Amino acid sequence: MKMTILAVGKCKEAYWNKAIEEYSRRLGRYCTLEIREVADEKTPDGAGENQERQIREREGERLLKLLREDAYCIALDIRGQEVDSVELSQKIENLGVSGISHIQFVIGGSLGLSEEVLRRADWRLSFSRMTFPHQLMRVILLEQIYRSWRIARHEPYHK
């Protein structure tokens, strides 16, 4: 199975990049992983709701160009469905059994995802009602994808 993470903005901190590299390496045993980034928009201090919407739309247009029609799209959205690690593993496994060979996870920028991207998503996933930095979210997502594969294969992994 191929898994792609589409993310707004670059991950600049070395410590996040090391964690991303480690989980990417580990996932190589289970799937083909690709991480693609699109440029983020600068949000001026004191930006109003309309300006923030426009920023999300511009970032969303970039993401939509990378979303494939033949892939199952999972948008990370604070208003999405919350699941535990076993349920996420079962979801990924069920997608594979049903013939899905490519899953694209989408991580928005600091303002979240545009409505267009959310409408395109096949499923909205929430890791929490809390807000996380999008660089950290990449690490959390990769760790949970790795955990999902371990669970599906009945391989040991700390709880």
N, C-alpha and C. Protein backbone atom coordinates (compact mmCIF):
# COMPACT_ATOMS: atom_id res chain seq x y z
N MET A 1 0.84 -1.18 0.00
CA MET A 1 0.00 0.00 0.00
C MET A 1 0.88 1.24 0.00
N LYS A 2 0.41 2.27 -0.68
CA LYS A 2 1.12 3.54 -0.69
C LYS A 2 0.40 4.50 0.25
N MET A 3 1.18 5.22 1.03
CA MET A 3 0.65 6.24 1.92
C MET A 3 1.40 7.53 1.66
N THR A 4 0.62 8.57 1.46
CA THR A 4 1.19 9.90 1.21
C THR A 4 0.70 10.85 2.28
N ILE A 5 1.61 11.64 2.80
CA ILE A 5 1.24 12.71 3.71
C ILE A 5 1.43 14.01 2.95
N LEU A 6 0.34 14.75 2.82
CA LEU A 6 0.37 16.07 2.19
C LEU A 6 0.31 17.08 3.33
N ALA A 7 1.26 17.98 3.37
CA ALA A 7 1.33 18.91 4.49
C ALA A 7 1.59 20.32 4.00
N VAL A 8 1.00 21.26 4.69
CA VAL A 8 1.23 22.68 4.40
C VAL A 8 2.45 23.12 5.19
N GLY A 9 3.41 23.73 4.50
CA GLY A 9 4.59 24.27 5.15
C GLY A 9 5.72 23.27 5.27
N LYS A 10 6.89 23.79 5.49
CA LYS A 10 8.08 22.97 5.65
C LYS A 10 8.30 22.70 7.14
N CYS A 11 8.93 21.59 7.40
CA CYS A 11 9.33 21.26 8.77
C CYS A 11 10.78 21.69 8.92
N LYS A 12 11.01 22.75 9.67
CA LYS A 12 12.34 23.36 9.73
C LYS A 12 13.18 22.87 10.90
N GLU A 13 12.55 22.42 11.97
CA GLU A 13 13.30 22.05 13.16
C GLU A 13 13.95 20.68 12.99
N ALA A 14 15.23 20.60 13.31
CA ALA A 14 16.00 19.36 13.13
C ALA A 14 15.42 18.22 13.96
N TYR A 15 14.95 18.50 15.17
CA TYR A 15 14.45 17.43 16.04
C TYR A 15 13.18 16.82 15.48
N TRP A 16 12.31 17.62 14.86
CA TRP A 16 11.10 17.04 14.23
C TRP A 16 11.51 16.23 13.00
N ASN A 17 12.46 16.76 12.24
CA ASN A 17 12.91 16.05 11.04
C ASN A 17 13.54 14.71 11.38
N LYS A 18 14.27 14.63 12.49
CA LYS A 18 14.85 13.35 12.90
C LYS A 18 13.76 12.35 13.24
N ALA A 19 12.74 12.79 13.93
CA ALA A 19 11.63 11.89 14.27
C ALA A 19 10.89 11.45 13.01
N ILE A 20 10.66 12.37 12.09
CA ILE A 20 10.01 12.05 10.82
C ILE A 20 10.83 11.02 10.05
N GLU A 21 12.14 11.23 9.99
CA GLU A 21 13.03 10.29 9.30
C GLU A 21 12.99 8.91 9.95
N GLU A 22 12.96 8.87 11.27
CA GLU A 22 12.95 7.58 11.98
C GLU A 22 11.66 6.80 11.68
N TYR A 23 10.51 7.45 11.80
CA TYR A 23 9.26 6.74 11.52
C TYR A 23 9.12 6.42 10.03
N SER A 24 9.63 7.26 9.17
CA SER A 24 9.61 6.97 7.73
C SER A 24 10.44 5.72 7.45
N ARG A 25 11.58 5.61 8.09
CA ARG A 25 12.43 4.42 7.93
C ARG A 25 11.71 3.17 8.42
N ARG A 26 11.11 3.25 9.59
CA ARG A 26 10.39 2.11 10.15
C ARG A 26 9.23 1.68 9.25
N LEU A 27 8.53 2.65 8.69
CA LEU A 27 7.38 2.34 7.84
C LEU A 27 7.76 1.68 6.53
N GLY A 28 9.01 1.81 6.13
CA GLY A 28 9.48 1.21 4.89
C GLY A 28 9.25 -0.30 4.83
N ARG A 29 9.14 -0.96 5.97
CA ARG A 29 8.87 -2.41 6.02
C ARG A 29 7.43 -2.73 5.63
N TYR A 30 6.54 -1.75 5.75
CA TYR A 30 5.11 -2.03 5.65
C TYR A 30 4.43 -1.40 4.43
N CYS A 31 4.93 -0.27 4.00
CA CYS A 31 4.24 0.46 2.93
C CYS A 31 5.24 1.36 2.21
N THR A 32 4.77 1.92 1.12
CA THR A 32 5.54 2.95 0.43
C THR A 32 5.05 4.29 0.98
N LEU A 33 5.96 5.08 1.49
CA LEU A 33 5.59 6.35 2.10
C LEU A 33 6.17 7.50 1.30
N GLU A 34 5.34 8.51 1.12
CA GLU A 34 5.77 9.75 0.47
C GLU A 34 5.27 10.92 1.31
N ILE A 35 6.10 11.91 1.49
CA ILE A 35 5.70 13.14 2.18
C ILE A 35 5.88 14.28 1.20
N ARG A 36 4.79 14.99 0.95
CA ARG A 36 4.84 16.13 0.02
C ARG A 36 4.38 17.38 0.76
N GLU A 37 5.08 18.45 0.51
CA GLU A 37 4.78 19.72 1.17
C GLU A 37 4.34 20.75 0.14
N VAL A 38 3.41 21.59 0.57
CA VAL A 38 3.04 22.75 -0.24
C VAL A 38 3.37 24.00 0.56
N ALA A 39 3.58 25.09 -0.13
CA ALA A 39 3.95 26.34 0.54
C ALA A 39 2.81 26.83 1.44
N ASP A 40 3.22 27.37 2.57
CA ASP A 40 2.24 27.98 3.46
C ASP A 40 2.18 29.48 3.19
N GLU A 41 1.11 30.08 3.62
CA GLU A 41 0.91 31.52 3.50
C GLU A 41 1.25 32.17 4.84
N LYS A 42 1.85 33.31 4.78
CA LYS A 42 2.11 34.05 6.01
C LYS A 42 0.81 34.67 6.50
N THR A 43 0.55 34.50 7.79
CA THR A 43 -0.65 35.07 8.40
C THR A 43 -0.24 36.31 9.18
N PRO A 44 -0.68 37.49 8.73
CA PRO A 44 -0.31 38.70 9.46
C PRO A 44 -0.95 38.74 10.84
N ASP A 45 -0.26 39.37 11.77
CA ASP A 45 -0.83 39.56 13.11
C ASP A 45 -2.14 40.32 12.97
N GLY A 46 -3.11 39.89 13.71
CA GLY A 46 -4.40 40.58 13.71
C GLY A 46 -5.24 40.30 12.47
N ALA A 47 -4.92 39.23 11.75
CA ALA A 47 -5.70 38.89 10.54
C ALA A 47 -7.14 38.61 10.94
N GLY A 48 -8.05 39.11 10.14
CA GLY A 48 -9.46 38.89 10.39
C GLY A 48 -9.93 37.56 9.84
N GLU A 49 -11.17 37.22 10.14
CA GLU A 49 -11.74 35.95 9.71
C GLU A 49 -11.72 35.79 8.19
N ASN A 50 -12.04 36.86 7.47
CA ASN A 50 -12.05 36.80 6.01
C ASN A 50 -10.65 36.57 5.45
N GLN A 51 -9.67 37.24 6.01
CA GLN A 51 -8.29 37.07 5.56
C GLN A 51 -7.79 35.65 5.87
N GLU A 52 -8.16 35.11 7.03
CA GLU A 52 -7.77 33.75 7.38
C GLU A 52 -8.42 32.74 6.42
N ARG A 53 -9.67 32.95 6.05
CA ARG A 53 -10.35 32.08 5.10
C ARG A 53 -9.63 32.10 3.76
N GLN A 54 -9.22 33.29 3.32
CA GLN A 54 -8.51 33.41 2.04
C GLN A 54 -7.17 32.66 2.09
N ILE A 55 -6.49 32.72 3.22
CA ILE A 55 -5.22 32.02 3.38
C ILE A 55 -5.46 30.51 3.29
N ARG A 56 -6.49 30.01 4.01
CA ARG A 56 -6.82 28.58 3.95
C ARG A 56 -7.16 28.17 2.52
N GLU A 57 -7.88 29.04 1.80
CA GLU A 57 -8.24 28.72 0.41
C GLU A 57 -7.01 28.63 -0.49
N ARG A 58 -6.07 29.54 -0.34
CA ARG A 58 -4.85 29.49 -1.17
C ARG A 58 -4.04 28.23 -0.87
N GLU A 59 -3.89 27.92 0.41
CA GLU A 59 -3.18 26.70 0.78
C GLU A 59 -3.96 25.48 0.28
N GLY A 60 -5.28 25.54 0.40
CA GLY A 60 -6.12 24.43 -0.05
C GLY A 60 -6.01 24.18 -1.54
N GLU A 61 -5.91 25.24 -2.34
CA GLU A 61 -5.75 25.07 -3.79
C GLU A 61 -4.48 24.28 -4.09
N ARG A 62 -3.43 24.56 -3.36
CA ARG A 62 -2.17 23.84 -3.56
C ARG A 62 -2.32 22.36 -3.20
N LEU A 63 -3.02 22.10 -2.09
CA LEU A 63 -3.23 20.72 -1.67
C LEU A 63 -4.11 19.97 -2.67
N LEU A 64 -5.16 20.62 -3.15
CA LEU A 64 -6.09 19.96 -4.08
C LEU A 64 -5.38 19.50 -5.35
N LYS A 65 -4.36 20.22 -5.76
CA LYS A 65 -3.60 19.82 -6.96
C LYS A 65 -2.86 18.50 -6.74
N LEU A 66 -2.59 18.15 -5.49
CA LEU A 66 -1.85 16.93 -5.18
C LEU A 66 -2.75 15.75 -4.82
N LEU A 67 -4.03 16.04 -4.57
CA LEU A 67 -4.95 14.97 -4.21
C LEU A 67 -5.33 14.18 -5.45
N ARG A 68 -5.19 12.87 -5.34
CA ARG A 68 -5.46 12.00 -6.47
C ARG A 68 -6.88 11.43 -6.37
N GLU A 69 -7.53 11.32 -7.49
CA GLU A 69 -8.89 10.78 -7.52
C GLU A 69 -8.91 9.31 -7.11
N ASP A 70 -7.83 8.58 -7.40
CA ASP A 70 -7.80 7.15 -7.11
C ASP A 70 -7.30 6.85 -5.69
N ALA A 71 -7.05 7.88 -4.89
CA ALA A 71 -6.58 7.69 -3.52
C ALA A 71 -7.71 7.97 -2.54
N TYR A 72 -7.64 7.33 -1.40
CA TYR A 72 -8.57 7.58 -0.31
C TYR A 72 -7.98 8.72 0.51
N CYS A 73 -8.74 9.79 0.68
CA CYS A 73 -8.24 11.00 1.33
C CYS A 73 -8.72 11.08 2.78
N ILE A 74 -7.76 11.16 3.71
CA ILE A 74 -8.06 11.34 5.12
C ILE A 74 -7.54 12.71 5.54
N ALA A 75 -8.48 13.60 5.86
CA ALA A 75 -8.11 14.95 6.29
C ALA A 75 -8.02 15.00 7.81
N LEU A 76 -6.93 15.54 8.32
CA LEU A 76 -6.81 15.73 9.75
C LEU A 76 -7.55 17.02 10.09
N ASP A 77 -8.59 16.87 10.89
CA ASP A 77 -9.51 17.97 11.17
C ASP A 77 -9.95 17.87 12.62
N ILE A 78 -9.81 18.94 13.35
CA ILE A 78 -10.17 18.95 14.77
C ILE A 78 -11.64 18.56 14.98
N ARG A 79 -12.48 18.76 13.96
CA ARG A 79 -13.90 18.40 14.06
C ARG A 79 -14.18 17.01 13.51
N GLY A 80 -13.11 16.28 13.16
CA GLY A 80 -13.27 14.94 12.60
C GLY A 80 -13.58 13.90 13.66
N GLN A 81 -13.62 12.66 13.22
CA GLN A 81 -13.91 11.55 14.11
C GLN A 81 -12.68 11.18 14.93
N GLU A 82 -12.87 11.01 16.22
CA GLU A 82 -11.79 10.58 17.09
C GLU A 82 -11.86 9.06 17.20
N VAL A 83 -10.71 8.40 17.01
CA VAL A 83 -10.62 6.95 17.14
C VAL A 83 -9.40 6.61 17.97
N ASP A 84 -9.38 5.38 18.48
CA ASP A 84 -8.16 4.95 19.17
C ASP A 84 -7.24 4.27 18.16
N SER A 85 -6.08 3.84 18.61
CA SER A 85 -5.08 3.28 17.71
C SER A 85 -5.55 2.00 17.04
N VAL A 86 -6.27 1.16 17.78
CA VAL A 86 -6.78 -0.08 17.20
C VAL A 86 -7.81 0.23 16.12
N GLU A 87 -8.68 1.18 16.37
CA GLU A 87 -9.68 1.55 15.37
C GLU A 87 -9.03 2.13 14.11
N LEU A 88 -7.99 2.93 14.27
CA LEU A 88 -7.28 3.47 13.11
C LEU A 88 -6.63 2.33 12.33
N SER A 89 -6.03 1.39 13.03
CA SER A 89 -5.42 0.24 12.38
C SER A 89 -6.47 -0.55 11.59
N GLN A 90 -7.62 -0.77 12.19
CA GLN A 90 -8.70 -1.49 11.51
C GLN A 90 -9.19 -0.72 10.29
N LYS A 91 -9.28 0.58 10.39
CA LYS A 91 -9.70 1.41 9.26
C LYS A 91 -8.73 1.25 8.09
N ILE A 92 -7.45 1.36 8.36
CA ILE A 92 -6.43 1.23 7.31
C ILE A 92 -6.47 -0.17 6.72
N GLU A 93 -6.56 -1.17 7.59
CA GLU A 93 -6.62 -2.55 7.11
C GLU A 93 -7.86 -2.79 6.25
N ASN A 94 -9.01 -2.30 6.69
CA ASN A 94 -10.26 -2.47 5.93
C ASN A 94 -10.19 -1.77 4.58
N LEU A 95 -9.54 -0.61 4.53
CA LEU A 95 -9.39 0.08 3.25
C LEU A 95 -8.58 -0.79 2.28
N GLY A 96 -7.50 -1.37 2.78
CA GLY A 96 -6.68 -2.23 1.94
C GLY A 96 -7.44 -3.45 1.45
N VAL A 97 -8.21 -4.08 2.33
CA VAL A 97 -8.99 -5.25 1.97
C VAL A 97 -10.06 -4.90 0.92
N SER A 98 -10.57 -3.68 1.00
CA SER A 98 -11.62 -3.26 0.06
C SER A 98 -11.05 -2.80 -1.29
N GLY A 99 -9.74 -2.89 -1.45
CA GLY A 99 -9.13 -2.57 -2.74
C GLY A 99 -8.46 -1.21 -2.83
N ILE A 100 -8.46 -0.46 -1.74
CA ILE A 100 -7.77 0.84 -1.74
C ILE A 100 -6.27 0.57 -1.65
N SER A 101 -5.51 1.10 -2.59
CA SER A 101 -4.06 0.86 -2.58
C SER A 101 -3.27 2.13 -2.27
N HIS A 102 -3.97 3.27 -2.13
CA HIS A 102 -3.27 4.53 -1.86
C HIS A 102 -4.13 5.36 -0.90
N ILE A 103 -3.53 5.73 0.22
CA ILE A 103 -4.19 6.61 1.19
C ILE A 103 -3.39 7.89 1.26
N GLN A 104 -4.09 9.01 1.15
CA GLN A 104 -3.44 10.31 1.31
C GLN A 104 -3.98 10.97 2.58
N PHE A 105 -3.06 11.29 3.50
CA PHE A 105 -3.40 12.02 4.71
C PHE A 105 -3.08 13.49 4.45
N VAL A 106 -3.95 14.39 4.89
CA VAL A 106 -3.76 15.81 4.63
C VAL A 106 -3.68 16.57 5.95
N ILE A 107 -2.58 17.29 6.13
CA ILE A 107 -2.37 18.12 7.31
C ILE A 107 -2.36 19.58 6.87
N GLY A 108 -3.23 20.37 7.44
CA GLY A 108 -3.31 21.78 7.08
C GLY A 108 -2.23 22.60 7.76
N GLY A 109 -2.24 23.87 7.45
CA GLY A 109 -1.32 24.81 8.06
C GLY A 109 -1.83 25.28 9.42
N SER A 110 -1.30 26.36 9.89
CA SER A 110 -1.64 26.84 11.23
C SER A 110 -3.10 27.25 11.37
N LEU A 111 -3.77 27.51 10.25
CA LEU A 111 -5.19 27.90 10.30
C LEU A 111 -6.12 26.74 9.95
N GLY A 112 -5.56 25.57 9.70
CA GLY A 112 -6.39 24.41 9.36
C GLY A 112 -6.54 24.26 7.86
N LEU A 113 -7.55 23.48 7.46
CA LEU A 113 -7.79 23.15 6.06
C LEU A 113 -8.96 23.95 5.51
N SER A 114 -8.91 24.19 4.22
CA SER A 114 -10.01 24.91 3.55
C SER A 114 -11.24 24.01 3.48
N GLU A 115 -12.39 24.63 3.32
CA GLU A 115 -13.63 23.89 3.17
C GLU A 115 -13.59 22.99 1.94
N GLU A 116 -12.93 23.44 0.87
CA GLU A 116 -12.83 22.63 -0.35
C GLU A 116 -12.07 21.34 -0.09
N VAL A 117 -10.99 21.41 0.65
CA VAL A 117 -10.21 20.21 0.97
C VAL A 117 -11.04 19.30 1.86
N LEU A 118 -11.73 19.87 2.84
CA LEU A 118 -12.55 19.06 3.74
C LEU A 118 -13.68 18.37 2.99
N ARG A 119 -14.26 19.05 2.00
CA ARG A 119 -15.32 18.42 1.19
C ARG A 119 -14.76 17.28 0.35
N ARG A 120 -13.54 17.42 -0.13
CA ARG A 120 -12.92 16.38 -0.95
C ARG A 120 -12.55 15.15 -0.14
N ALA A 121 -12.34 15.32 1.15
CA ALA A 121 -11.89 14.21 2.00
C ALA A 121 -12.95 13.10 2.04
N ASP A 122 -12.45 11.87 2.05
CA ASP A 122 -13.32 10.71 2.22
C ASP A 122 -13.62 10.48 3.69
N TRP A 123 -12.73 10.93 4.55
CA TRP A 123 -12.90 10.76 5.99
C TRP A 123 -12.14 11.87 6.69
N ARG A 124 -12.73 12.38 7.76
CA ARG A 124 -12.07 13.40 8.59
C ARG A 124 -11.68 12.76 9.90
N LEU A 125 -10.40 12.86 10.22
CA LEU A 125 -9.84 12.24 11.41
C LEU A 125 -9.35 13.31 12.37
N SER A 126 -9.73 13.16 13.63
CA SER A 126 -9.25 14.06 14.67
C SER A 126 -8.41 13.28 15.66
N PHE A 127 -7.24 13.80 15.98
CA PHE A 127 -6.41 13.17 16.99
C PHE A 127 -6.76 13.70 18.38
N SER A 128 -7.46 14.80 18.44
CA SER A 128 -7.83 15.40 19.71
C SER A 128 -8.58 16.69 19.42
N ARG A 129 -9.29 17.19 20.41
CA ARG A 129 -9.88 18.51 20.26
C ARG A 129 -8.84 19.60 20.52
N MET A 130 -7.66 19.19 20.97
CA MET A 130 -6.58 20.15 21.19
C MET A 130 -5.93 20.52 19.86
N THR A 131 -5.25 21.64 19.86
CA THR A 131 -4.52 22.09 18.68
C THR A 131 -3.04 21.74 18.87
N PHE A 132 -2.43 21.18 17.82
CA PHE A 132 -1.01 20.84 17.85
C PHE A 132 -0.29 21.60 16.74
N PRO A 133 0.98 21.91 16.93
CA PRO A 133 1.75 22.49 15.82
C PRO A 133 1.77 21.50 14.65
N HIS A 134 1.64 22.01 13.43
CA HIS A 134 1.53 21.09 12.30
C HIS A 134 2.80 20.27 12.09
N GLN A 135 3.97 20.76 12.52
CA GLN A 135 5.19 19.96 12.43
C GLN A 135 5.11 18.76 13.37
N LEU A 136 4.64 19.00 14.59
CA LEU A 136 4.48 17.91 15.55
C LEU A 136 3.42 16.92 15.06
N MET A 137 2.39 17.42 14.40
CA MET A 137 1.32 16.55 13.92
C MET A 137 1.85 15.53 12.92
N ARG A 138 2.84 15.92 12.14
CA ARG A 138 3.45 14.97 11.21
C ARG A 138 4.05 13.78 11.96
N VAL A 139 4.75 14.09 13.04
CA VAL A 139 5.38 13.04 13.84
C VAL A 139 4.30 12.15 14.47
N ILE A 140 3.30 12.77 15.05
CA ILE A 140 2.22 12.00 15.68
C ILE A 140 1.53 11.11 14.65
N LEU A 141 1.23 11.66 13.49
CA LEU A 141 0.57 10.88 12.44
C LEU A 141 1.44 9.71 12.00
N LEU A 142 2.71 9.96 11.74
CA LEU A 142 3.61 8.88 11.32
C LEU A 142 3.70 7.79 12.39
N GLU A 143 3.79 8.19 13.64
CA GLU A 143 3.86 7.20 14.72
C GLU A 143 2.59 6.36 14.74
N GLN A 144 1.44 6.99 14.55
CA GLN A 144 0.18 6.25 14.58
C GLN A 144 0.01 5.35 13.35
N ILE A 145 0.50 5.77 12.22
CA ILE A 145 0.47 4.90 11.03
C ILE A 145 1.37 3.68 11.29
N TYR A 146 2.55 3.92 11.84
CA TYR A 146 3.46 2.83 12.18
C TYR A 146 2.81 1.88 13.19
N ARG A 147 2.21 2.43 14.22
CA ARG A 147 1.52 1.63 15.23
C ARG A 147 0.39 0.82 14.59
N SER A 148 -0.31 1.43 13.65
CA SER A 148 -1.42 0.74 12.96
C SER A 148 -0.93 -0.51 12.24
N TRP A 149 0.20 -0.38 11.55
CA TRP A 149 0.74 -1.53 10.85
C TRP A 149 1.17 -2.62 11.84
N ARG A 150 1.78 -2.22 12.94
CA ARG A 150 2.21 -3.20 13.94
C ARG A 150 1.01 -3.93 14.53
N ILE A 151 -0.05 -3.18 14.82
CA ILE A 151 -1.27 -3.78 15.37
C ILE A 151 -1.86 -4.76 14.36
N ALA A 152 -1.97 -4.33 13.12
CA ALA A 152 -2.59 -5.17 12.08
C ALA A 152 -1.83 -6.48 11.88
N ARG A 153 -0.52 -6.43 12.09
CA ARG A 153 0.31 -7.63 11.89
C ARG A 153 0.54 -8.39 13.19
N HIS A 154 -0.14 -7.98 14.25
CA HIS A 154 -0.01 -8.63 15.57
C HIS A 154 1.43 -8.64 16.04
N GLU A 155 2.13 -7.57 15.76
CA GLU A 155 3.52 -7.44 16.19
C GLU A 155 3.56 -6.62 17.48
N PRO A 156 4.50 -6.92 18.36
CA PRO A 156 4.55 -6.18 19.63
C PRO A 156 4.91 -4.71 19.43
N TYR A 157 4.27 -3.89 20.24
CA TYR A 157 4.57 -2.46 20.24
C TYR A 157 4.08 -1.93 21.59
N HIS A 158 4.82 -1.03 22.18
CA HIS A 158 4.43 -0.56 23.51
C HIS A 158 3.04 0.11 23.47
N LYS A 159 2.36 0.01 24.59
CA LYS A 159 0.99 0.55 24.66
C LYS A 159 0.97 1.87 25.37
